N, C-alpha and C. Protein backbone atom coordinates (compact mmCIF):
# COMPACT_ATOMS: atom_id res chain seq x y z
N MET A 1 15.55 6.05 -5.80
CA MET A 1 14.88 5.25 -6.38
C MET A 1 15.60 3.91 -7.07
N ARG A 2 16.85 4.70 -7.80
CA ARG A 2 17.44 3.53 -8.85
C ARG A 2 18.46 2.90 -7.92
N GLU A 3 18.53 2.76 -6.69
CA GLU A 3 19.57 2.20 -5.48
C GLU A 3 18.75 1.16 -4.62
N GLN A 4 17.06 1.47 -4.64
CA GLN A 4 16.50 0.71 -4.58
C GLN A 4 15.74 -0.70 -5.49
N ILE A 5 15.67 0.38 -6.83
CA ILE A 5 15.90 -0.94 -8.01
C ILE A 5 17.07 -1.84 -7.73
N GLY A 6 18.06 -0.95 -7.73
CA GLY A 6 19.36 -1.99 -7.62
C GLY A 6 19.48 -2.98 -6.96
N LYS A 7 18.79 -2.82 -5.69
CA LYS A 7 18.85 -4.00 -4.39
C LYS A 7 17.36 -5.21 -4.90
N GLY A 8 16.36 -4.92 -5.78
CA GLY A 8 15.63 -5.73 -6.48
C GLY A 8 14.49 -4.88 -6.01
N ALA A 9 13.78 -3.95 -5.60
CA ALA A 9 12.56 -3.71 -5.58
C ALA A 9 12.07 -3.91 -6.87
N ASP A 10 10.68 -4.40 -6.71
CA ASP A 10 9.99 -4.67 -7.67
C ASP A 10 8.66 -3.47 -7.94
N TRP A 11 8.43 -2.58 -7.47
CA TRP A 11 7.47 -1.74 -7.41
C TRP A 11 8.24 -0.21 -6.59
N ILE A 12 8.11 0.31 -7.53
CA ILE A 12 8.09 1.95 -6.24
C ILE A 12 6.79 2.30 -6.06
N LYS A 13 7.16 2.82 -5.21
CA LYS A 13 5.66 2.96 -3.85
C LYS A 13 5.84 4.98 -3.39
N VAL A 14 5.69 5.53 -3.93
CA VAL A 14 5.86 6.88 -3.28
C VAL A 14 4.77 7.22 -2.57
N TYR A 15 4.63 9.07 -1.87
CA TYR A 15 3.49 9.40 -1.31
C TYR A 15 2.96 10.64 -2.59
N GLY A 16 1.98 10.30 -2.75
CA GLY A 16 1.60 11.20 -3.60
C GLY A 16 1.35 12.99 -3.00
N ASP A 17 0.49 12.71 -2.11
CA ASP A 17 0.58 14.12 -0.84
C ASP A 17 0.49 13.50 0.41
N TYR A 18 0.88 14.31 1.41
CA TYR A 18 0.94 14.07 2.75
C TYR A 18 1.11 15.24 3.63
N ARG A 19 0.38 15.20 4.87
CA ARG A 19 0.24 15.68 5.66
C ARG A 19 1.75 16.74 6.06
N TRP A 20 1.62 17.55 5.40
CA TRP A 20 2.82 18.60 5.61
C TRP A 20 2.49 19.79 5.35
N GLY A 21 1.32 20.24 5.50
CA GLY A 21 1.02 21.60 5.54
C GLY A 21 0.73 22.85 6.25
N PRO A 22 1.03 23.80 6.87
CA PRO A 22 0.65 24.93 7.44
C PRO A 22 -0.01 24.38 8.76
N ARG A 23 -0.88 23.97 8.45
CA ARG A 23 -2.35 22.72 9.39
C ARG A 23 -2.10 21.75 9.56
N GLY A 24 -0.86 20.86 8.86
CA GLY A 24 -1.17 19.54 9.03
C GLY A 24 -2.17 18.89 8.12
N GLU A 25 -2.38 19.91 6.86
CA GLU A 25 -3.56 18.97 5.83
C GLU A 25 -2.49 18.75 4.94
N ALA A 26 -3.14 17.67 4.31
CA ALA A 26 -2.19 17.12 2.86
C ALA A 26 -2.42 18.12 2.21
N GLN A 27 -1.03 18.26 1.53
CA GLN A 27 -0.72 18.80 0.27
C GLN A 27 -0.16 18.10 -0.54
N PRO A 28 -0.05 17.63 -2.00
CA PRO A 28 0.92 17.08 -2.61
C PRO A 28 2.68 17.51 -2.47
N THR A 29 3.29 16.50 -2.48
CA THR A 29 4.60 15.72 -1.88
C THR A 29 5.18 16.45 -3.19
N TYR A 30 5.23 15.69 -4.55
CA TYR A 30 6.02 15.86 -5.92
C TYR A 30 4.93 17.12 -6.52
N SER A 31 6.22 17.81 -7.36
CA SER A 31 5.42 18.61 -8.49
C SER A 31 4.97 17.47 -9.72
N ILE A 32 4.23 18.36 -10.13
CA ILE A 32 3.79 17.19 -11.84
C ILE A 32 5.18 16.76 -12.38
N ASP A 33 5.86 17.90 -12.50
CA ASP A 33 7.46 17.03 -13.33
C ASP A 33 7.82 16.57 -12.67
N GLU A 34 8.24 16.78 -11.21
CA GLU A 34 8.85 15.52 -9.87
C GLU A 34 8.03 13.98 -10.23
N LEU A 35 6.32 14.10 -10.29
CA LEU A 35 6.19 12.68 -10.34
C LEU A 35 6.44 12.24 -11.93
N ARG A 36 6.52 13.05 -13.16
CA ARG A 36 6.64 12.41 -14.38
C ARG A 36 7.99 11.38 -14.30
N LEU A 37 8.74 12.47 -13.31
CA LEU A 37 10.20 11.46 -13.42
C LEU A 37 9.90 10.48 -12.84
N ILE A 38 9.76 10.52 -12.24
CA ILE A 38 9.79 9.24 -11.16
C ILE A 38 9.18 8.04 -12.22
N VAL A 39 7.40 8.31 -12.76
CA VAL A 39 6.85 7.30 -13.33
C VAL A 39 7.56 7.09 -14.83
N ASP A 40 8.59 7.98 -14.96
CA ASP A 40 9.02 7.53 -16.42
C ASP A 40 10.88 6.93 -16.00
N THR A 41 11.18 7.32 -14.89
CA THR A 41 12.65 6.27 -14.37
C THR A 41 11.94 4.89 -14.13
N ALA A 42 10.95 4.78 -13.11
CA ALA A 42 10.40 3.76 -12.93
C ALA A 42 10.23 2.77 -13.93
N ARG A 43 8.95 3.31 -15.27
CA ARG A 43 9.13 2.62 -16.27
C ARG A 43 10.16 2.40 -17.31
N SER A 44 11.42 3.24 -17.36
CA SER A 44 12.42 2.80 -17.79
C SER A 44 12.81 1.51 -17.25
N SER A 45 12.84 1.02 -16.22
CA SER A 45 13.77 -0.05 -15.76
C SER A 45 12.27 -1.41 -15.83
N GLY A 46 11.22 -0.95 -16.13
CA GLY A 46 10.10 -1.71 -15.97
C GLY A 46 9.27 -2.04 -14.59
N ARG A 47 9.15 -1.39 -13.93
CA ARG A 47 8.69 -1.39 -12.43
C ARG A 47 7.36 -0.61 -12.87
N PRO A 48 6.55 -0.63 -12.13
CA PRO A 48 5.27 -0.20 -11.84
C PRO A 48 5.11 0.96 -10.95
N VAL A 49 4.59 1.88 -10.66
CA VAL A 49 4.23 3.11 -9.28
C VAL A 49 3.25 3.35 -8.88
N VAL A 50 3.31 3.11 -7.30
CA VAL A 50 2.15 3.09 -6.70
C VAL A 50 2.27 4.10 -5.81
N VAL A 51 1.32 4.64 -5.29
CA VAL A 51 1.13 6.31 -4.66
C VAL A 51 -0.15 6.03 -3.33
N HIS A 52 0.78 6.33 -2.25
CA HIS A 52 -0.19 6.78 -1.23
C HIS A 52 -0.88 8.49 -1.76
N ALA A 53 -2.01 8.15 -1.31
CA ALA A 53 -2.32 9.82 -2.03
C ALA A 53 -4.08 9.86 -0.75
N SER A 54 -4.29 11.24 -0.50
CA SER A 54 -5.34 11.08 0.06
C SER A 54 -6.58 12.53 -0.40
N THR A 55 -6.19 13.29 -1.34
CA THR A 55 -6.96 14.20 -1.57
C THR A 55 -7.70 13.59 -3.20
N PRO A 56 -9.15 14.39 -3.35
CA PRO A 56 -9.03 14.57 -4.94
C PRO A 56 -8.11 14.79 -6.35
N GLU A 57 -7.37 15.78 -5.90
CA GLU A 57 -6.63 16.20 -6.98
C GLU A 57 -5.53 15.11 -7.30
N ILE A 58 -4.98 14.58 -6.64
CA ILE A 58 -3.86 14.04 -6.67
C ILE A 58 -4.66 12.61 -6.99
N PHE A 59 -5.45 12.17 -6.85
CA PHE A 59 -6.33 10.69 -7.12
C PHE A 59 -7.21 11.49 -9.16
N ARG A 60 -6.82 12.82 -9.13
CA ARG A 60 -7.40 12.69 -10.69
C ARG A 60 -6.23 12.90 -11.46
N LEU A 61 -5.41 12.89 -10.86
CA LEU A 61 -3.84 13.31 -11.80
C LEU A 61 -3.29 11.41 -11.83
N MET A 62 -3.35 10.88 -10.58
CA MET A 62 -3.26 9.33 -10.97
C MET A 62 -3.67 8.70 -12.06
N ALA A 63 -5.30 8.97 -12.04
CA ALA A 63 -6.20 8.28 -12.96
C ALA A 63 -6.17 8.86 -14.22
N ALA A 64 -5.38 10.29 -14.50
CA ALA A 64 -5.22 10.36 -15.52
C ALA A 64 -4.17 9.72 -16.70
N HIS A 65 -2.95 9.59 -15.56
CA HIS A 65 -1.88 9.51 -15.77
C HIS A 65 -1.43 8.43 -15.85
N GLY A 66 -2.28 7.19 -15.37
CA GLY A 66 -2.56 5.36 -15.11
C GLY A 66 -1.59 5.35 -14.19
N VAL A 67 -1.55 6.11 -13.12
CA VAL A 67 -0.76 5.37 -12.03
C VAL A 67 -1.82 5.08 -10.80
N ALA A 68 -1.61 4.07 -10.16
CA ALA A 68 -2.29 2.97 -9.48
C ALA A 68 -1.95 3.39 -7.85
N LEU A 69 -3.24 3.38 -7.00
CA LEU A 69 -3.23 3.64 -5.43
C LEU A 69 -2.91 2.14 -5.14
N CYS A 70 -1.99 2.73 -3.69
CA CYS A 70 -1.82 1.11 -3.07
C CYS A 70 -2.12 2.15 -1.55
N PRO A 71 -3.68 1.50 -1.43
CA PRO A 71 -4.12 2.32 0.38
C PRO A 71 -4.02 1.93 1.04
N THR A 72 -2.96 0.34 1.35
CA THR A 72 -2.83 -0.18 2.61
C THR A 72 -3.94 0.39 3.88
N LEU A 73 -5.07 -0.40 3.40
CA LEU A 73 -5.91 0.09 4.53
C LEU A 73 -5.82 -0.84 5.82
N ALA A 74 -5.43 -2.37 5.52
CA ALA A 74 -5.03 -2.56 6.92
C ALA A 74 -3.78 -1.98 7.82
N ALA A 75 -3.04 -1.20 6.89
CA ALA A 75 -2.18 -0.76 8.16
C ALA A 75 -2.91 0.16 9.48
N GLY A 76 -3.24 0.68 8.69
CA GLY A 76 -3.86 1.95 9.60
C GLY A 76 -4.90 1.28 10.66
N ASP A 77 -5.58 0.47 10.41
CA ASP A 77 -6.16 0.15 11.19
C ASP A 77 -5.58 -0.94 11.84
N ALA A 78 -4.73 -1.42 11.64
CA ALA A 78 -3.53 -2.52 12.39
C ALA A 78 -3.04 -0.63 13.65
N THR A 79 -2.03 -0.20 12.82
CA THR A 79 -1.67 0.75 13.95
C THR A 79 -2.51 1.62 14.56
N THR A 80 -3.67 1.77 14.47
CA THR A 80 -4.85 2.52 15.38
C THR A 80 -4.90 1.96 16.62
N GLN A 81 -5.47 -0.14 16.53
CA GLN A 81 -5.86 -0.86 17.22
C GLN A 81 -4.10 -0.92 18.32
N TYR A 82 -3.50 -1.18 18.01
CA TYR A 82 -1.79 -1.25 18.74
C TYR A 82 -1.86 0.15 19.55
N GLY A 83 -2.55 1.18 19.03
CA GLY A 83 -2.40 2.83 19.78
C GLY A 83 -3.93 2.69 20.72
N GLY A 84 -4.23 1.38 21.10
CA GLY A 84 -5.36 1.16 21.85
C GLY A 84 -6.73 1.44 21.60
N TRP A 85 -7.50 1.45 20.26
CA TRP A 85 -8.21 1.22 19.43
C TRP A 85 -8.85 -0.12 19.69
N LYS A 86 -10.53 -0.61 20.29
CA LYS A 86 -11.09 -1.61 20.28
C LYS A 86 -12.31 -1.77 18.62
N LYS A 87 -11.59 -1.98 18.01
CA LYS A 87 -12.52 -1.81 17.21
C LYS A 87 -13.90 -2.62 17.50
N GLY A 88 -14.95 -2.57 16.98
CA GLY A 88 -15.97 -3.08 17.09
C GLY A 88 -16.90 -2.42 18.24
N THR A 89 -15.76 -2.22 19.44
CA THR A 89 -16.34 -1.57 20.68
C THR A 89 -15.90 0.02 20.61
N ASP A 90 -15.16 0.65 20.59
CA ASP A 90 -15.16 2.17 20.52
C ASP A 90 -15.20 2.74 19.15
N PRO A 91 -16.12 4.18 18.86
CA PRO A 91 -16.36 4.73 18.25
C PRO A 91 -15.06 4.88 17.17
N GLU A 92 -15.51 4.81 15.81
CA GLU A 92 -14.63 4.94 14.60
C GLU A 92 -13.17 6.07 14.58
N PRO A 93 -12.46 6.19 14.60
CA PRO A 93 -10.96 7.21 15.11
C PRO A 93 -11.44 7.99 13.78
N ALA A 94 -10.78 9.09 13.76
CA ALA A 94 -10.92 9.95 12.53
C ALA A 94 -10.10 9.52 11.68
N ASN A 95 -8.89 8.74 11.92
CA ASN A 95 -8.29 8.79 10.77
C ASN A 95 -8.62 7.31 9.98
N ILE A 96 -9.40 6.53 10.92
CA ILE A 96 -10.21 5.49 10.42
C ILE A 96 -11.12 5.79 9.36
N ARG A 97 -11.49 7.04 9.83
CA ARG A 97 -12.90 7.16 8.81
C ARG A 97 -12.47 8.06 7.77
N ARG A 98 -11.18 8.81 8.11
CA ARG A 98 -10.29 9.70 6.57
C ARG A 98 -10.17 8.86 5.75
N LYS A 99 -9.28 7.87 6.26
CA LYS A 99 -9.31 6.98 5.36
C LYS A 99 -10.08 5.77 4.16
N ARG A 100 -11.24 5.71 5.12
CA ARG A 100 -12.11 5.06 4.16
C ARG A 100 -12.46 5.99 3.30
N GLU A 101 -12.97 6.91 3.84
CA GLU A 101 -13.47 8.40 2.96
C GLU A 101 -12.22 8.74 1.54
N SER A 102 -10.91 8.90 1.56
CA SER A 102 -10.00 8.97 0.91
C SER A 102 -10.27 7.71 -0.15
N PHE A 103 -10.67 6.33 0.17
CA PHE A 103 -10.50 5.12 -0.56
C PHE A 103 -11.76 5.61 -1.20
N GLN A 104 -13.18 5.84 -1.10
CA GLN A 104 -14.03 6.09 -1.84
C GLN A 104 -13.64 7.14 -2.33
N ALA A 105 -12.75 8.15 -2.41
CA ALA A 105 -12.63 9.28 -3.69
C ALA A 105 -11.68 8.73 -4.87
N ALA A 106 -10.78 7.77 -4.47
CA ALA A 106 -9.61 7.69 -4.98
C ALA A 106 -11.20 6.41 -6.06
N LEU A 107 -12.03 5.96 -5.85
CA LEU A 107 -12.81 4.69 -6.24
C LEU A 107 -13.60 6.04 -7.41
N ALA A 108 -14.17 6.95 -6.78
CA ALA A 108 -14.66 7.91 -7.61
C ALA A 108 -13.75 8.73 -8.34
N ALA A 109 -12.67 8.61 -8.19
CA ALA A 109 -11.96 9.19 -9.73
C ALA A 109 -11.42 8.33 -10.44
N GLY A 110 -11.77 7.40 -10.74
CA GLY A 110 -11.32 6.25 -11.40
C GLY A 110 -10.01 5.40 -11.15
N VAL A 111 -9.22 5.69 -10.28
CA VAL A 111 -7.60 5.45 -9.80
C VAL A 111 -7.48 3.94 -9.66
N THR A 112 -6.45 3.44 -10.37
CA THR A 112 -6.53 2.06 -10.82
C THR A 112 -6.13 1.68 -9.00
N ILE A 113 -6.45 0.30 -8.03
CA ILE A 113 -6.26 0.11 -6.74
C ILE A 113 -5.38 -1.07 -6.97
N ALA A 114 -4.00 -0.85 -6.34
CA ALA A 114 -3.27 -2.10 -6.42
C ALA A 114 -3.68 -2.41 -4.76
N SER A 115 -3.28 -4.04 -4.65
CA SER A 115 -3.24 -4.94 -3.42
C SER A 115 -2.12 -4.26 -2.57
N GLY A 116 -1.64 -4.07 -1.07
CA GLY A 116 -0.61 -3.99 -0.64
C GLY A 116 -0.56 -3.52 0.75
N SER A 117 0.17 -3.96 1.72
CA SER A 117 0.31 -3.34 2.90
C SER A 117 1.43 -2.84 3.57
N ASP A 118 2.06 -2.40 4.51
CA ASP A 118 3.50 -1.66 4.69
C ASP A 118 3.54 -2.82 5.83
N VAL A 119 5.33 -2.75 5.37
CA VAL A 119 5.46 -3.88 6.23
C VAL A 119 5.98 -3.66 7.73
N GLY A 120 5.52 -4.60 8.47
CA GLY A 120 5.90 -4.16 9.94
C GLY A 120 5.14 -3.91 10.90
N VAL A 121 3.57 -4.00 10.39
CA VAL A 121 2.61 -2.85 11.27
C VAL A 121 1.70 -4.15 11.64
N PHE A 122 1.85 -5.54 11.22
CA PHE A 122 0.97 -7.03 11.82
C PHE A 122 1.88 -7.95 11.67
N THR A 123 1.78 -8.65 12.92
CA THR A 123 2.32 -9.81 12.34
C THR A 123 1.79 -10.55 11.49
N PRO A 124 3.11 -11.36 10.78
CA PRO A 124 3.26 -11.69 9.22
C PRO A 124 2.72 -13.03 9.61
N ASP A 125 1.84 -13.74 9.00
CA ASP A 125 1.86 -15.41 9.22
C ASP A 125 2.79 -15.71 8.05
N LEU A 126 3.46 -17.09 8.17
CA LEU A 126 4.67 -17.70 7.70
C LEU A 126 3.80 -19.06 6.90
N LEU A 127 3.59 -19.06 5.56
CA LEU A 127 3.16 -20.41 5.05
C LEU A 127 4.17 -20.76 3.73
N VAL A 128 4.80 -21.88 3.84
CA VAL A 128 5.73 -22.71 3.28
C VAL A 128 4.91 -23.63 2.38
N VAL A 129 4.76 -23.56 1.18
CA VAL A 129 4.52 -24.21 0.03
C VAL A 129 5.59 -25.46 -0.68
N GLN A 130 5.05 -26.49 -1.30
CA GLN A 130 5.67 -26.93 -2.23
C GLN A 130 5.63 -26.88 -3.94
N GLY A 131 6.60 -26.17 -4.29
CA GLY A 131 6.51 -25.18 -5.40
C GLY A 131 6.40 -24.21 -5.25
N ASP A 132 6.43 -23.22 -6.73
CA ASP A 132 6.18 -22.20 -6.73
C ASP A 132 5.06 -21.44 -7.07
N PRO A 133 4.34 -20.86 -6.03
CA PRO A 133 2.82 -20.31 -6.34
C PRO A 133 3.19 -18.63 -8.26
N SER A 134 4.25 -18.27 -7.45
CA SER A 134 4.55 -17.20 -8.98
C SER A 134 4.02 -18.03 -10.36
N GLN A 135 5.20 -19.66 -10.70
CA GLN A 135 4.32 -20.13 -11.64
C GLN A 135 3.00 -21.26 -11.66
N SER A 136 2.50 -21.48 -10.30
CA SER A 136 1.76 -22.25 -10.67
C SER A 136 0.84 -22.30 -9.26
N ILE A 137 -0.45 -21.67 -9.55
CA ILE A 137 -1.12 -21.13 -8.08
C ILE A 137 -1.77 -22.41 -7.64
N ALA A 138 -1.78 -23.73 -8.34
CA ALA A 138 -2.35 -25.06 -7.37
C ALA A 138 -0.91 -25.02 -6.13
N ALA A 139 0.40 -24.65 -6.24
CA ALA A 139 1.38 -24.89 -5.27
C ALA A 139 0.80 -24.31 -4.04
N LEU A 140 -0.33 -23.65 -4.60
CA LEU A 140 -0.72 -22.94 -2.15
C LEU A 140 -1.46 -24.19 -1.98
N ARG A 141 -2.15 -25.44 -3.04
CA ARG A 141 -2.96 -26.40 -2.21
C ARG A 141 -1.67 -27.33 -1.59
N GLN A 142 -0.65 -27.31 -1.60
CA GLN A 142 1.03 -27.77 -1.17
C GLN A 142 1.35 -27.66 0.08
N VAL A 143 0.43 -27.51 1.21
CA VAL A 143 1.08 -27.01 2.14
C VAL A 143 2.30 -27.79 3.16
N THR A 144 3.23 -27.49 3.49
CA THR A 144 4.46 -27.99 3.62
C THR A 144 4.40 -27.44 5.43
N LEU A 145 4.62 -26.09 5.60
CA LEU A 145 4.33 -25.82 6.49
C LEU A 145 3.62 -24.32 7.42
N VAL A 146 2.72 -24.46 8.31
CA VAL A 146 2.32 -22.54 8.52
C VAL A 146 2.81 -22.72 10.27
N MET A 147 3.11 -20.87 9.88
CA MET A 147 3.74 -20.61 11.09
C MET A 147 2.93 -19.44 11.53
N LYS A 148 2.36 -19.21 12.60
CA LYS A 148 1.81 -17.84 13.24
C LYS A 148 2.36 -17.47 14.43
N ASP A 149 2.51 -16.55 14.61
CA ASP A 149 2.76 -15.30 16.06
C ASP A 149 4.27 -16.07 16.42
N GLY A 150 4.54 -16.62 15.48
CA GLY A 150 6.55 -17.33 15.64
C GLY A 150 5.98 -18.54 16.23
N ARG A 151 4.79 -19.54 15.90
CA ARG A 151 4.82 -20.78 16.77
C ARG A 151 4.73 -21.41 15.52
N ILE A 152 5.07 -22.57 15.58
CA ILE A 152 4.37 -24.24 13.78
C ILE A 152 3.19 -24.40 14.37
N VAL A 153 2.37 -24.23 13.72
CA VAL A 153 0.99 -24.82 13.81
C VAL A 153 0.69 -26.11 12.65
N ARG A 154 1.21 -25.81 11.84
CA ARG A 154 0.82 -27.37 10.96
C ARG A 154 1.80 -27.22 10.45
N ARG A 155 2.61 -29.17 10.20
CA ARG A 155 4.27 -29.19 9.44
C ARG A 155 3.10 -29.89 8.48
C-alpha cells in the first residue's frame, strides 16, 4: 500500500471479502486488526479507503467504521457481456444477480457508496477539455476533442 501511495495512488481499494472459502463462498479477506491497520495507514497519508465486499457481516463493519464501498457495478456487467451474455435478451446470469443483491445489502447496512470502476474492463472514451475540471466544473463545457473506440469523433 505504501508503495502504491508513493507512486501517486489517491485511494486505497481492498477486498473486504472474496470467494476463497472451501466451497468458493465469500469469506473475510482480512482480520479486524488487519483492516484497522490498512485504514490507519491510509488515513495517515490522507487517503480514503474503499472496499470490495459482498457479505452482510463486512457491510456492517464497513458502516460502523466509516469505510466506503466501491461496488464497480459496470465492471461485472461488462466482463459478463464479453463472456457472451446478451444483456436484455439472455436471462440474467447468477453473478449479475449476486452483485445486485450484494449492492442492496450494502445499502441496507448503511454503507457509504463510492463511485468507481475497474480499469480495463470496458473501452474508455477520451474527452479533452480546455481547463481543469477539478478546479472548475465549467471546463467540461469547453470540449476540444472526443475519442471513442480509438477514433476521433469530434475536434
